[in-house]
Amino acid sequence: MIDPGGRFFQQHRSICIAIICFGLALIGCTPDSAPPAQNASASKSKSDTVYPLKVVIVEADLLQSEIELRWKSFSDQDLQIQPMTRQEFETQEPSKADLLIYPSNLMGTLVAGDWIAPVSKQAKDRIGGWGVSEEANTWPARWKTLSTYGGKSMAVPLGAPSWVAITRSLDVSPLRKLHEKIINNEITRENAESLWDEFLTKAEAAHQGTIAEREADLKRRLDDLTPQARRYLVYRYLWMISSTESRHRGLFDMYKLVSRCNQPEFARAAIQLRRLGVLQPSTLFASPTEAWQSVAEGSALFGLGWPRTDNEQSLSEKTGNGRWELVPIVWNDGSGLMASIGGRTRQSANATEFLIWLAAEDQRIAFQTKTPTVELLEIEDDRNRVREDYRDYQTLQKSDPTGLSMELTPRFLGSDRFLVLLEDTLIDIFRDPESAPERFSHCRKEWDSLVEQMGREKLRSSLEAASGYAP
């Protein structure tokens, strides 16, 4: 008789136990059981992946290394920074950038292209600055104004330097009278023209012996201008326009949406700027800080710009070429840097953290040494205040009683395209002053044609938003 299991099991007990255990192990590994250890590890790695923040910086490449260095000490998240010039930016399609740092005068183009999104309430609450109470650590009015578009807070302002004239050995009393007319809303064609002519005539008479040489120098410089030098010329021209009856009338007739640049004050201001350029050709096309420093150090008579912020001491008080003096006419071109969250970002939370980090005073202190387009909120933190020219500039900029007029600040949709045409117009007039009325008449036709190309109502909406008229 065969024993079906007893003897066999007894003889092969160890083998049978091994087979049974192996079978139980196989039965226990069902689809509902825990995945193998290596799969769990791979899953965790994938879910914990932190993608780099993509940051586009336009005309702010001097900040790149400082941003990268300081961010590394704050966060483990990597940055992918893409620097762009204005010209490169104009040819780009809207990207999925997480953040953008750019001059305020690009805001209209960025908003229209869906490049940026409004600042979130979370970021605004944590950053502050938008508050209205005196106890709050609020920003200067120009910061708030230049970071707002169409009634929405579109950016965290990093700075908003204004154009101011600095002179040496020139009688600026006529321009101080003109400034009084501006702040009292009494500016007219007659007093704007006569007071500028009074100032320029006195300055020309005082330097009559070198006028011919200076004019030849100016004409030579016109032959080899970089795109940036051409733009500086336009900004100085718009500063000049801000001292005329068009200060609040702007560049366009908002009802008909046609250019106003054929109005008499536009040609008049171009001739006045040319006369200034003949007085001091070296500063007419220079950067704002170069022009300012030339006058502060005593090597130039007149310059339009703002002081440098690299903490270097100026010897302006100690030169023997007459003390410098500021003209109290203030105008802002929107060169100050803004920071916005990308309109198509997929990392809103991380981008918001970066924005909050960027707005801190510690970051401003470091960035200000790289570019004056970043400003500090607390004067105690500003090591540049040891310079008298810097202190006087900041006092004038902060106490400007005229407020911030945005009608002439070119931050509307496609403003660069209009300014390029204005650059050509001014350079032609500088070569041939008598052509001014005809040249501006032609410029108006070019601008009006550009308005049609861009879309009249689309541009109207942008102009209203950029000027602060939109709700």
Protein backbone atom coordinates (compact mmCIF):
# COMPACT_ATOMS: atom_id res chain seq x y z
CA MET A 1 0.00 0.00 0.00
CA ILE A 2 1.32 3.29 -0.92
CA ASP A 3 1.58 6.01 1.71
CA PRO A 4 0.38 9.08 -0.27
CA GLY A 5 2.25 11.60 1.78
CA GLY A 6 3.57 10.44 5.10
CA ARG A 7 6.69 8.54 4.15
CA PHE A 8 7.49 10.80 1.22
CA PHE A 9 7.04 13.90 3.38
CA GLN A 10 9.16 12.46 6.12
CA GLN A 11 11.93 11.56 3.68
CA HIS A 12 11.87 14.92 1.88
CA ARG A 13 10.64 17.22 4.64
CA SER A 14 13.15 20.02 4.15
CA ILE A 15 12.52 20.17 0.39
CA CYS A 16 8.74 20.29 0.89
CA ILE A 17 8.94 23.09 3.43
CA ALA A 18 11.07 25.15 1.03
CA ILE A 19 8.58 24.61 -1.81
CA ILE A 20 5.63 25.61 0.41
CA CYS A 21 7.37 28.84 1.59
CA PHE A 22 8.26 29.82 -1.96
CA GLY A 23 4.64 29.29 -3.05
CA LEU A 24 3.33 31.45 -0.21
CA ALA A 25 5.75 34.19 -1.16
CA LEU A 26 4.49 34.15 -4.73
CA ILE A 27 0.85 34.23 -3.60
CA GLY A 28 1.56 37.26 -1.37
CA CYS A 29 2.97 39.36 -4.24
CA THR A 30 -0.32 40.57 -5.73
CA PRO A 31 -0.98 43.78 -7.65
CA ASP A 32 -2.41 45.35 -4.46
CA SER A 33 0.72 44.75 -2.43
CA ALA A 34 3.54 47.26 -1.91
CA PRO A 35 5.77 47.82 -4.94
CA PRO A 36 9.39 46.71 -4.83
CA ALA A 37 11.74 48.94 -2.85
CA GLN A 38 13.51 50.26 -5.92
CA ASN A 39 10.20 51.40 -7.50
CA ALA A 40 9.20 53.26 -4.33
CA SER A 41 12.52 55.11 -4.39
CA ALA A 42 12.10 56.07 -8.05
CA SER A 43 8.57 57.35 -7.39
CA LYS A 44 9.74 59.54 -4.53
CA SER A 45 12.54 61.00 -6.61
CA LYS A 46 10.14 61.95 -9.39
CA SER A 47 7.62 63.65 -7.08
CA ASP A 48 10.33 65.64 -5.30
CA THR A 49 11.85 67.07 -8.51
CA VAL A 50 12.21 70.88 -8.34
CA TYR A 51 12.45 72.48 -11.75
CA PRO A 52 14.57 75.60 -12.22
CA LEU A 53 12.90 79.00 -12.17
CA LYS A 54 13.14 80.59 -15.61
CA VAL A 55 13.94 84.30 -15.31
CA VAL A 56 14.01 86.67 -18.29
CA ILE A 57 15.93 89.91 -17.68
CA VAL A 58 15.67 92.75 -20.20
CA GLU A 59 18.30 95.50 -20.02
CA ALA A 60 19.29 94.24 -16.58
CA ASP A 61 22.20 91.92 -17.34
CA LEU A 62 24.42 93.73 -14.83
CA LEU A 63 22.31 92.09 -12.12
CA GLN A 64 22.59 88.51 -13.36
CA SER A 65 25.62 87.33 -11.40
CA GLU A 66 24.48 89.07 -8.22
CA ILE A 67 21.00 87.52 -8.45
CA GLU A 68 22.45 84.05 -9.00
CA LEU A 69 24.93 84.37 -6.14
CA ARG A 70 22.46 85.72 -3.58
CA TRP A 71 19.65 83.34 -4.55
CA LYS A 72 21.91 80.32 -4.00
CA SER A 73 22.38 81.34 -0.38
CA PHE A 74 18.60 81.57 0.03
CA SER A 75 17.15 78.63 -1.93
CA ASP A 76 18.16 75.24 -3.32
CA GLN A 77 16.09 75.85 -6.43
CA ASP A 78 18.17 76.60 -9.51
CA LEU A 79 17.70 79.62 -11.75
CA GLN A 80 17.82 79.71 -15.53
CA ILE A 81 18.43 83.36 -16.39
CA GLN A 82 17.99 84.54 -19.96
CA PRO A 83 19.31 88.07 -20.62
CA MET A 84 17.79 90.03 -23.51
CA THR A 85 18.26 93.40 -25.12
CA ARG A 86 15.21 95.44 -26.03
CA GLN A 87 15.78 94.63 -29.67
CA GLU A 88 15.91 90.89 -28.95
CA PHE A 89 12.82 91.06 -26.79
CA GLU A 90 10.78 92.68 -29.56
CA THR A 91 11.33 89.62 -31.78
CA GLN A 92 10.39 87.02 -29.14
CA GLU A 93 7.09 85.22 -28.79
CA PRO A 94 5.59 85.26 -25.27
CA SER A 95 7.47 82.62 -23.31
CA LYS A 96 6.69 80.44 -20.29
CA ALA A 97 9.11 82.45 -18.18
CA ASP A 98 8.39 82.24 -14.46
CA LEU A 99 9.64 85.76 -13.79
CA LEU A 100 10.67 88.85 -15.72
CA ILE A 101 12.88 91.77 -14.68
CA TYR A 102 12.62 94.70 -17.09
CA PRO A 103 12.37 98.51 -17.42
CA SER A 104 8.95 99.89 -16.56
CA ASN A 105 8.59 101.44 -20.00
CA LEU A 106 8.23 97.93 -21.47
CA MET A 107 5.15 97.20 -19.37
CA GLY A 108 2.54 98.06 -22.00
CA THR A 109 4.09 95.68 -24.50
CA LEU A 110 4.42 92.94 -21.87
CA VAL A 111 0.81 93.24 -20.74
CA ALA A 112 -0.50 93.20 -24.31
CA GLY A 113 1.53 90.08 -25.07
CA ASP A 114 0.40 88.23 -21.92
CA TRP A 115 4.00 88.02 -20.73
CA ILE A 116 3.22 89.04 -17.14
CA ALA A 117 0.48 88.58 -14.55
CA PRO A 118 -0.76 90.93 -11.80
CA VAL A 119 0.97 90.66 -8.44
CA SER A 120 -1.00 88.27 -6.22
CA LYS A 121 -2.65 89.41 -2.99
CA GLN A 122 -0.39 87.00 -1.09
CA ALA A 123 2.72 88.70 -2.46
CA LYS A 124 1.32 92.19 -1.87
CA ASP A 125 0.43 91.38 1.73
CA ARG A 126 3.88 90.00 2.46
CA ILE A 127 5.87 92.65 0.59
CA GLY A 128 3.85 95.67 1.72
CA GLY A 129 4.55 98.97 0.02
CA TRP A 130 1.13 99.24 -1.57
CA GLY A 131 -0.39 100.45 1.71
CA VAL A 132 -1.68 103.98 2.12
CA SER A 133 -1.28 104.49 5.87
CA GLU A 134 1.60 106.60 7.13
CA GLU A 135 2.57 103.87 9.57
CA ALA A 136 3.06 101.37 6.75
CA ASN A 137 6.45 101.01 5.12
CA THR A 138 5.13 102.43 1.86
CA TRP A 139 6.90 103.19 -1.37
CA PRO A 140 7.42 106.55 -3.06
CA ALA A 141 4.53 107.55 -5.32
CA ARG A 142 6.65 107.09 -8.43
CA TRP A 143 7.31 103.42 -7.50
CA LYS A 144 3.61 102.70 -7.16
CA THR A 145 2.67 104.61 -10.30
CA LEU A 146 5.26 102.97 -12.54
CA SER A 147 4.41 99.49 -11.27
CA THR A 148 0.70 99.97 -11.97
CA TYR A 149 -0.94 99.52 -15.33
CA GLY A 150 -4.65 99.87 -16.03
CA GLY A 151 -5.35 100.15 -12.32
CA LYS A 152 -3.65 96.82 -11.55
CA SER A 153 -0.40 96.21 -9.68
CA MET A 154 1.57 94.43 -12.39
CA ALA A 155 5.03 94.42 -10.83
CA VAL A 156 7.18 94.89 -7.77
CA PRO A 157 9.10 98.13 -8.38
CA LEU A 158 12.85 97.87 -7.87
CA GLY A 159 13.46 101.53 -8.67
CA ALA A 160 12.29 104.57 -10.60
CA PRO A 161 15.08 107.16 -11.10
CA SER A 162 14.04 110.46 -12.67
CA TRP A 163 15.80 112.69 -15.19
CA VAL A 164 17.16 115.87 -13.61
CA ALA A 165 19.44 118.56 -15.05
CA ILE A 166 22.72 119.41 -13.31
CA THR A 167 24.74 122.47 -14.36
CA ARG A 168 27.93 124.36 -13.57
CA SER A 169 28.65 128.07 -13.96
CA LEU A 170 25.30 128.70 -15.65
CA ASP A 171 22.51 131.00 -14.46
CA VAL A 172 19.52 128.69 -13.99
CA SER A 173 17.20 131.34 -12.51
CA PRO A 174 15.05 131.44 -15.70
CA LEU A 175 14.49 127.69 -15.42
CA ARG A 176 13.57 128.03 -11.75
CA LYS A 177 10.91 130.54 -12.80
CA LEU A 178 9.74 128.06 -15.43
CA HIS A 179 9.48 125.38 -12.75
CA GLU A 180 7.27 127.68 -10.67
CA LYS A 181 4.99 128.05 -13.68
CA ILE A 182 4.84 124.28 -14.02
CA ILE A 183 3.93 123.57 -10.39
CA ASN A 184 1.29 126.34 -10.42
CA ASN A 185 -0.23 125.00 -13.67
CA GLU A 186 0.57 128.30 -15.36
CA ILE A 187 2.75 126.91 -18.14
CA THR A 188 1.97 128.46 -21.53
CA ARG A 189 3.62 128.57 -24.92
CA GLU A 190 4.80 132.11 -24.27
CA ASN A 191 6.45 131.64 -20.88
CA ALA A 192 7.93 128.25 -21.78
CA GLU A 193 9.52 129.70 -24.90
CA SER A 194 10.72 132.96 -23.38
CA LEU A 195 12.23 131.46 -20.21
CA TRP A 196 14.11 128.75 -22.08
CA ASP A 197 15.38 131.35 -24.55
CA GLU A 198 16.51 133.57 -21.68
CA PHE A 199 18.49 130.73 -20.10
CA LEU A 200 20.07 129.58 -23.38
CA THR A 201 20.93 133.09 -24.59
CA LYS A 202 22.80 133.88 -21.37
CA ALA A 203 24.66 130.55 -21.48
CA GLU A 204 25.64 131.03 -25.14
CA ALA A 205 26.85 134.56 -24.49
CA ALA A 206 29.03 133.36 -21.63
CA HIS A 207 30.72 130.77 -23.88
CA GLN A 208 30.57 132.56 -27.21
CA GLY A 209 34.24 131.99 -27.94
CA THR A 210 33.84 128.21 -28.15
CA ILE A 211 30.35 127.88 -29.68
CA ALA A 212 31.60 127.19 -33.24
CA GLU A 213 33.95 124.49 -32.00
CA ARG A 214 31.22 122.94 -29.86
CA GLU A 215 28.77 122.88 -32.77
CA ALA A 216 31.29 121.09 -34.97
CA ASP A 217 31.78 118.55 -32.18
CA LEU A 218 28.02 117.97 -31.97
CA LYS A 219 27.73 117.33 -35.72
CA ARG A 220 30.60 114.84 -35.63
CA ARG A 221 28.89 112.87 -32.89
CA LEU A 222 25.73 112.53 -34.98
CA ASP A 223 27.53 110.35 -37.51
CA ASP A 224 28.26 107.45 -35.19
CA LEU A 225 25.46 106.96 -32.66
CA THR A 226 24.71 103.63 -31.02
CA PRO A 227 21.07 102.57 -30.56
CA GLN A 228 21.41 103.32 -26.86
CA ALA A 229 22.82 106.81 -27.50
CA ARG A 230 19.90 107.54 -29.84
CA ARG A 231 17.46 106.48 -27.13
CA TYR A 232 19.17 108.66 -24.52
CA LEU A 233 18.72 111.58 -26.91
CA VAL A 234 14.97 110.90 -27.15
CA TYR A 235 14.59 110.67 -23.39
CA ARG A 236 16.34 114.01 -22.98
CA TYR A 237 14.04 115.45 -25.60
CA LEU A 238 10.96 114.19 -23.73
CA TRP A 239 12.34 115.80 -20.56
CA MET A 240 12.48 119.04 -22.53
CA ILE A 241 8.88 118.54 -23.72
CA SER A 242 7.84 118.04 -20.08
CA SER A 243 8.77 121.70 -19.50
CA THR A 244 6.29 122.89 -22.15
CA GLU A 245 2.53 123.24 -22.48
CA SER A 246 2.42 119.59 -23.60
CA ARG A 247 3.41 118.34 -20.14
CA HIS A 248 -0.13 117.06 -19.54
CA ARG A 249 -1.35 116.96 -23.13
CA GLY A 250 0.87 114.06 -24.03
CA LEU A 251 2.09 112.60 -27.31
CA PHE A 252 -1.36 111.79 -28.72
CA ASP A 253 -4.74 113.43 -29.02
CA MET A 254 -6.70 110.91 -26.94
CA TYR A 255 -10.05 111.71 -28.59
CA LYS A 256 -8.98 111.31 -32.21
CA LEU A 257 -5.98 109.15 -31.36
CA VAL A 258 -3.64 110.97 -33.69
CA SER A 259 -0.12 112.14 -32.99
CA ARG A 260 0.43 115.59 -31.51
CA CYS A 261 4.08 115.81 -32.55
CA ASN A 262 3.35 118.38 -35.26
CA GLN A 263 2.34 120.91 -32.60
CA PRO A 264 4.64 123.97 -32.40
CA GLU A 265 6.13 123.07 -29.01
CA PHE A 266 7.60 119.82 -30.38
CA ALA A 267 9.71 121.61 -32.99
CA ARG A 268 10.54 124.36 -30.50
CA ALA A 269 11.75 121.84 -27.90
CA ALA A 270 13.95 120.12 -30.50
CA ILE A 271 15.66 123.42 -31.32
CA GLN A 272 16.13 124.18 -27.62
CA LEU A 273 17.65 120.74 -27.01
CA ARG A 274 19.99 121.28 -29.94
CA ARG A 275 21.15 124.56 -28.41
CA LEU A 276 21.79 122.70 -25.17
CA GLY A 277 23.72 120.10 -27.16
CA VAL A 278 25.91 122.76 -28.72
CA LEU A 279 26.71 124.08 -25.24
CA GLN A 280 27.75 120.60 -24.08
CA PRO A 281 28.01 117.98 -26.86
CA SER A 282 29.75 115.40 -24.68
CA THR A 283 26.75 114.82 -22.42
CA LEU A 284 23.92 114.89 -24.96
CA PHE A 285 24.25 111.24 -25.98
CA ALA A 286 25.93 109.88 -22.84
CA SER A 287 24.32 107.55 -20.34
CA PRO A 288 22.43 109.29 -17.50
CA THR A 289 25.17 108.54 -14.97
CA GLU A 290 28.02 109.53 -17.31
CA ALA A 291 26.39 112.85 -18.12
CA TRP A 292 25.70 113.59 -14.46
CA GLN A 293 29.19 112.64 -13.31
CA SER A 294 30.84 114.83 -15.95
CA VAL A 295 29.13 117.88 -14.49
CA ALA A 296 29.56 116.77 -10.87
CA GLU A 297 33.31 116.42 -11.38
CA GLY A 298 33.58 119.74 -13.18
CA SER A 299 34.38 118.64 -16.74
CA ALA A 300 31.02 119.66 -18.26
CA LEU A 301 28.64 122.62 -18.07
CA PHE A 302 25.31 120.86 -18.40
CA GLY A 303 24.06 117.31 -18.16
CA LEU A 304 20.74 115.50 -17.96
CA GLY A 305 20.55 112.26 -16.04
CA TRP A 306 20.93 110.94 -12.50
CA PRO A 307 23.86 110.19 -10.15
CA ARG A 308 25.62 106.86 -10.03
CA THR A 309 25.00 104.53 -7.07
CA ASP A 310 28.21 102.52 -6.83
CA ASN A 311 29.15 104.00 -3.41
CA GLU A 312 32.15 105.80 -4.91
CA GLN A 313 32.86 109.21 -3.42
CA SER A 314 32.46 112.19 -5.76
CA LEU A 315 34.83 115.11 -5.54
CA SER A 316 32.26 117.49 -6.96
CA GLU A 317 32.34 119.85 -3.95
CA LYS A 318 36.11 120.31 -4.20
CA THR A 319 36.54 121.33 -7.83
CA GLY A 320 37.37 124.92 -8.66
CA ASN A 321 35.12 125.25 -11.71
CA GLY A 322 32.12 126.68 -9.87
CA ARG A 323 29.64 124.74 -7.77
CA TRP A 324 27.11 122.51 -9.51
CA GLU A 325 23.39 123.31 -9.30
CA LEU A 326 20.25 121.29 -10.02
CA VAL A 327 17.36 122.42 -12.22
CA PRO A 328 14.15 121.41 -10.38
CA ILE A 329 12.32 120.11 -13.48
CA VAL A 330 11.81 116.37 -12.91
CA TRP A 331 10.63 113.82 -15.48
CA ASN A 332 10.53 110.02 -15.40
CA ASP A 333 11.08 107.86 -18.50
CA GLY A 334 10.28 104.49 -16.91
CA SER A 335 13.87 103.18 -16.94
CA GLY A 336 13.52 101.91 -13.37
CA LEU A 337 13.45 98.13 -13.10
CA MET A 338 10.28 96.14 -12.40
CA ALA A 339 9.86 92.47 -11.47
CA SER A 340 6.77 90.49 -12.50
CA ILE A 341 5.53 86.93 -12.41
CA GLY A 342 5.26 85.36 -15.84
CA GLY A 343 1.77 85.21 -17.29
CA ARG A 344 2.23 81.55 -18.25
CA THR A 345 4.27 80.26 -15.35
CA ARG A 346 3.58 76.80 -13.94
CA GLN A 347 5.45 77.62 -10.74
CA SER A 348 3.30 80.38 -9.27
CA ALA A 349 4.14 79.59 -5.65
CA ASN A 350 7.92 79.46 -6.20
CA ALA A 351 7.83 82.50 -8.46
CA THR A 352 5.98 84.42 -5.74
CA GLU A 353 8.66 83.47 -3.22
CA PHE A 354 11.32 84.77 -5.59
CA LEU A 355 9.40 88.04 -6.01
CA ILE A 356 9.12 88.50 -2.24
CA TRP A 357 12.82 87.73 -1.83
CA LEU A 358 13.75 90.17 -4.61
CA ALA A 359 11.81 93.04 -3.01
CA ALA A 360 13.69 92.85 0.30
CA GLU A 361 15.94 95.76 1.21
CA ASP A 362 18.97 93.46 1.53
CA GLN A 363 18.68 92.60 -2.16
CA ARG A 364 18.16 96.24 -3.14
CA ILE A 365 21.32 97.27 -1.29
CA ALA A 366 23.36 94.72 -3.25
CA PHE A 367 21.73 95.43 -6.62
CA GLN A 368 21.98 99.21 -6.28
CA THR A 369 25.77 99.03 -6.49
CA LYS A 370 25.36 97.46 -9.94
CA THR A 371 22.78 99.84 -11.42
CA PRO A 372 21.03 103.08 -10.40
CA THR A 373 17.80 101.70 -11.88
CA VAL A 374 17.42 99.95 -8.50
CA GLU A 375 16.67 102.22 -5.54
CA LEU A 376 16.53 101.84 -1.75
CA LEU A 377 13.56 102.65 0.42
CA GLU A 378 15.44 103.50 3.59
CA ILE A 379 17.89 106.39 3.25
CA GLU A 380 19.82 105.04 6.26
CA ASP A 381 20.74 102.00 4.17
CA ASP A 382 22.09 104.11 1.31
CA ARG A 383 25.85 104.56 1.45
CA ASN A 384 25.69 106.99 -1.48
CA ARG A 385 24.16 109.66 0.78
CA VAL A 386 27.66 110.80 1.76
CA ARG A 387 27.79 112.57 -1.62
CA GLU A 388 26.21 116.00 -1.65
CA ASP A 389 25.11 115.80 -5.28
CA TYR A 390 23.36 112.49 -4.57
CA ARG A 391 21.58 113.84 -1.49
CA ASP A 392 20.34 116.91 -3.35
CA TYR A 393 19.14 114.75 -6.24
CA GLN A 394 17.19 112.43 -3.93
CA THR A 395 15.69 115.35 -2.04
CA LEU A 396 14.52 116.93 -5.28
CA GLN A 397 13.19 113.66 -6.67
CA LYS A 398 11.28 112.77 -3.51
CA SER A 399 9.86 116.23 -2.89
CA ASP A 400 8.90 117.04 -6.49
CA PRO A 401 5.63 118.98 -6.03
CA THR A 402 4.49 118.46 -9.62
CA GLY A 403 3.67 114.81 -9.04
CA LEU A 404 4.36 112.10 -11.59
CA SER A 405 2.89 113.03 -14.95
CA MET A 406 2.66 109.89 -17.08
CA GLU A 407 1.37 111.42 -20.31
CA LEU A 408 4.89 111.66 -21.74
CA THR A 409 6.30 108.43 -20.26
CA PRO A 410 6.60 105.99 -23.19
CA ARG A 411 5.38 102.74 -21.63
CA PHE A 412 2.40 102.04 -23.88
CA LEU A 413 2.11 99.16 -26.36
CA GLY A 414 4.84 99.28 -29.01
CA SER A 415 6.30 102.55 -27.69
CA ASP A 416 9.78 101.59 -28.92
CA ARG A 417 8.56 101.62 -32.52
CA PHE A 418 7.32 105.19 -32.15
CA LEU A 419 10.51 106.34 -30.42
CA VAL A 420 12.72 104.99 -33.21
CA LEU A 421 10.89 107.28 -35.64
CA LEU A 422 11.32 110.17 -33.22
CA GLU A 423 15.06 109.43 -32.99
CA ASP A 424 15.37 109.77 -36.78
CA THR A 425 13.44 113.03 -36.66
CA LEU A 426 15.63 114.58 -33.99
CA ILE A 427 18.89 113.59 -35.65
CA ASP A 428 17.76 115.15 -38.94
CA ILE A 429 16.81 118.35 -37.10
CA PHE A 430 20.15 118.45 -35.30
CA ARG A 431 21.82 118.36 -38.70
CA ASP A 432 19.48 120.96 -40.19
CA PRO A 433 17.57 123.00 -37.55
CA GLU A 434 15.50 124.83 -40.17
CA SER A 435 13.87 121.56 -41.17
CA ALA A 436 12.18 121.14 -37.77
CA PRO A 437 8.54 122.01 -38.69
CA GLU A 438 8.64 119.96 -41.88
CA ARG A 439 10.38 117.06 -40.21
CA PHE A 440 7.83 116.85 -37.39
CA SER A 441 4.99 117.05 -39.89
CA HIS A 442 6.46 113.97 -41.56
CA CYS A 443 6.96 112.29 -38.18
CA ARG A 444 3.28 112.77 -37.41
CA LYS A 445 2.31 110.98 -40.61
CA GLU A 446 4.65 108.11 -39.72
CA TRP A 447 3.20 107.86 -36.22
CA ASP A 448 -0.39 107.96 -37.45
CA SER A 449 0.39 105.23 -39.96
CA LEU A 450 1.86 103.15 -37.14
CA VAL A 451 -1.29 103.73 -35.08
CA GLU A 452 -3.35 102.21 -37.89
CA GLN A 453 -1.02 99.24 -38.19
CA MET A 454 -1.22 98.49 -34.47
CA GLY A 455 -4.96 99.01 -34.20
CA ARG A 456 -6.49 102.29 -33.07
CA GLU A 457 -8.65 100.96 -30.24
CA LYS A 458 -5.99 98.55 -29.05
CA LEU A 459 -3.49 101.39 -28.78
CA ARG A 460 -6.05 103.69 -27.17
CA SER A 461 -6.66 101.14 -24.43
CA SER A 462 -2.93 100.81 -23.82
CA LEU A 463 -2.37 104.57 -23.73
CA GLU A 464 -5.15 104.99 -21.19
CA ALA A 465 -3.81 102.16 -19.03
CA ALA A 466 -0.23 103.45 -19.21
CA SER A 467 -1.25 107.04 -18.41
CA GLY A 468 -3.28 106.04 -15.36
CA TYR A 469 -6.66 106.92 -16.83
CA ALA A 470 -8.06 103.40 -16.93
CA PRO A 471 -9.91 102.14 -13.83
